[in-house]
Amino acid sequence: MSHTVLVCDDAIFMRTMISDILAQAGFEVVGEAETGSQAVEKYRQLKPDLVTMDIVMPDMGGIDAVREIVKHDPDEAVPTVARPRGRPARPRLIPWTSRSTPSCSWPRAGST
């Protein structure tokens, strides 16, 4: 049985890319959301094993959406991927649960 995933990003290109990568890795993408409010609603409806969350989205940002999700399910871990607009550095994964604080560090340009 594969793990279920909800993919949340306002850019359809990113949702498609993340969904394709996860599907190729054997995950079952059960839903997508393009706003933070949709992410919270779909999480409550679908109860996925995993949620990927963009940080900057219309209506409710990803951090606020994650806060709402962990209020509902305190043990849920939501991998959050972010890259500041206009920054060429690779994004870092932020594992976040109700017992942790979101944080992110960015590599310097040219670092691996």
Protein backbone atom coordinates (compact mmCIF):
# COMPACT_ATOMS: atom_id res chain seq x y z
CA MET A 1 0.00 0.00 0.00
CA SER A 2 1.47 3.36 -1.02
CA HIS A 3 1.46 6.47 1.15
CA THR A 4 -1.04 9.18 0.23
CA VAL A 5 0.03 12.77 -0.42
CA LEU A 6 -1.67 16.17 -0.68
CA VAL A 7 0.36 18.61 -2.83
CA CYS A 8 -0.18 22.31 -2.06
CA ASP A 9 1.26 25.05 -4.28
CA ASP A 10 -0.30 27.99 -6.11
CA ALA A 11 1.71 27.28 -9.28
CA ILE A 12 0.21 24.49 -11.39
CA PHE A 13 3.67 23.77 -12.84
CA MET A 14 5.04 23.06 -9.35
CA ARG A 15 2.03 20.96 -8.34
CA THR A 16 2.42 18.90 -11.50
CA MET A 17 6.18 18.50 -11.08
CA ILE A 18 5.94 17.53 -7.39
CA SER A 19 3.03 15.16 -8.10
CA ASP A 20 4.93 13.46 -10.94
CA ILE A 21 8.06 13.01 -8.81
CA LEU A 22 6.06 11.58 -5.92
CA ALA A 23 4.04 9.26 -8.18
CA GLN A 24 7.25 7.93 -9.78
CA ALA A 25 8.57 7.24 -6.28
CA GLY A 26 5.49 5.14 -5.48
CA PHE A 27 3.37 7.67 -3.57
CA GLU A 28 -0.33 8.14 -4.31
CA VAL A 29 -1.20 11.82 -4.84
CA VAL A 30 -4.78 12.03 -3.57
CA GLY A 31 -5.30 15.77 -3.96
CA GLU A 32 -3.92 19.17 -4.82
CA ALA A 33 -4.57 22.64 -3.39
CA GLU A 34 -3.65 26.04 -4.80
CA THR A 35 -4.41 28.18 -1.72
CA GLY A 36 -3.76 27.75 1.97
CA SER A 37 -7.49 27.58 2.72
CA GLN A 38 -7.94 24.82 0.15
CA ALA A 39 -4.98 22.97 1.69
CA VAL A 40 -6.58 22.98 5.15
CA GLU A 41 -9.97 21.93 3.77
CA LYS A 42 -8.55 19.14 1.61
CA TYR A 43 -6.36 17.90 4.45
CA ARG A 44 -9.43 17.52 6.65
CA GLN A 45 -11.36 15.77 3.85
CA LEU A 46 -8.63 13.47 2.54
CA LYS A 47 -6.52 12.70 5.66
CA PRO A 48 -3.34 12.14 3.63
CA ASP A 49 -0.22 10.51 5.08
CA LEU A 50 1.92 13.41 3.85
CA VAL A 51 1.41 17.05 2.84
CA THR A 52 3.80 19.17 0.80
CA MET A 53 3.22 22.89 1.31
CA ASP A 54 4.43 25.97 -0.53
CA ILE A 55 5.01 28.96 1.74
CA VAL A 56 3.75 31.84 -0.42
CA MET A 57 0.19 31.24 -1.64
CA PRO A 58 -2.88 33.41 -2.13
CA ASP A 59 -5.58 33.78 0.53
CA MET A 60 -3.74 31.99 3.35
CA GLY A 61 0.00 31.41 3.24
CA GLY A 62 1.56 28.01 3.70
CA ILE A 63 2.81 28.69 7.23
CA ASP A 64 -0.68 29.68 8.40
CA ALA A 65 -2.14 26.64 6.63
CA VAL A 66 0.35 24.36 8.39
CA ARG A 67 -0.57 25.96 11.72
CA GLU A 68 -4.23 25.13 11.04
CA ILE A 69 -3.38 21.56 10.01
CA VAL A 70 -1.32 20.87 13.13
CA LYS A 71 -4.10 22.36 15.31
CA HIS A 72 -6.38 19.70 13.82
CA ASP A 73 -3.77 16.92 13.88
CA PRO A 74 -0.85 17.77 16.22
CA ASP A 75 1.22 14.75 15.17
CA GLU A 76 1.16 15.58 11.45
CA ALA A 77 4.52 16.46 9.92
CA VAL A 78 4.24 18.78 6.91
CA PRO A 79 7.32 19.06 4.69
CA THR A 80 7.40 22.67 3.55
CA VAL A 81 9.51 23.69 0.59
CA ALA A 82 10.41 27.30 0.00
CA ARG A 83 12.69 29.41 -2.14
CA PRO A 84 12.69 33.19 -1.90
CA ARG A 85 11.62 34.78 -5.15
CA GLY A 86 14.57 35.91 -7.20
CA ARG A 87 17.08 33.76 -5.29
CA PRO A 88 18.97 31.18 -7.37
CA ALA A 89 19.90 29.00 -4.38
CA ARG A 90 18.35 25.57 -4.01
CA PRO A 91 15.40 25.33 -1.61
CA ARG A 92 15.67 23.53 1.72
CA LEU A 93 13.10 21.15 3.14
CA ILE A 94 11.51 22.26 6.41
CA PRO A 95 9.99 19.36 8.39
CA TRP A 96 7.43 20.97 10.72
CA THR A 97 5.17 19.53 13.39
CA SER A 98 3.29 21.13 16.27
CA ARG A 99 6.37 20.56 18.43
CA SER A 100 8.78 22.40 16.14
CA THR A 101 9.26 25.87 14.76
CA PRO A 102 9.58 26.49 11.03
CA SER A 103 13.03 27.58 10.01
CA CYS A 104 14.97 27.68 6.83
CA SER A 105 18.57 28.28 5.87
CA TRP A 106 19.69 29.12 2.38
CA PRO A 107 23.00 28.02 0.90
CA ARG A 108 25.26 30.71 -0.51
CA ALA A 109 25.33 30.96 -4.29
CA GLY A 110 27.72 28.37 -5.67
CA SER A 111 27.62 26.14 -2.59
CA THR A 112 26.34 22.58 -2.74
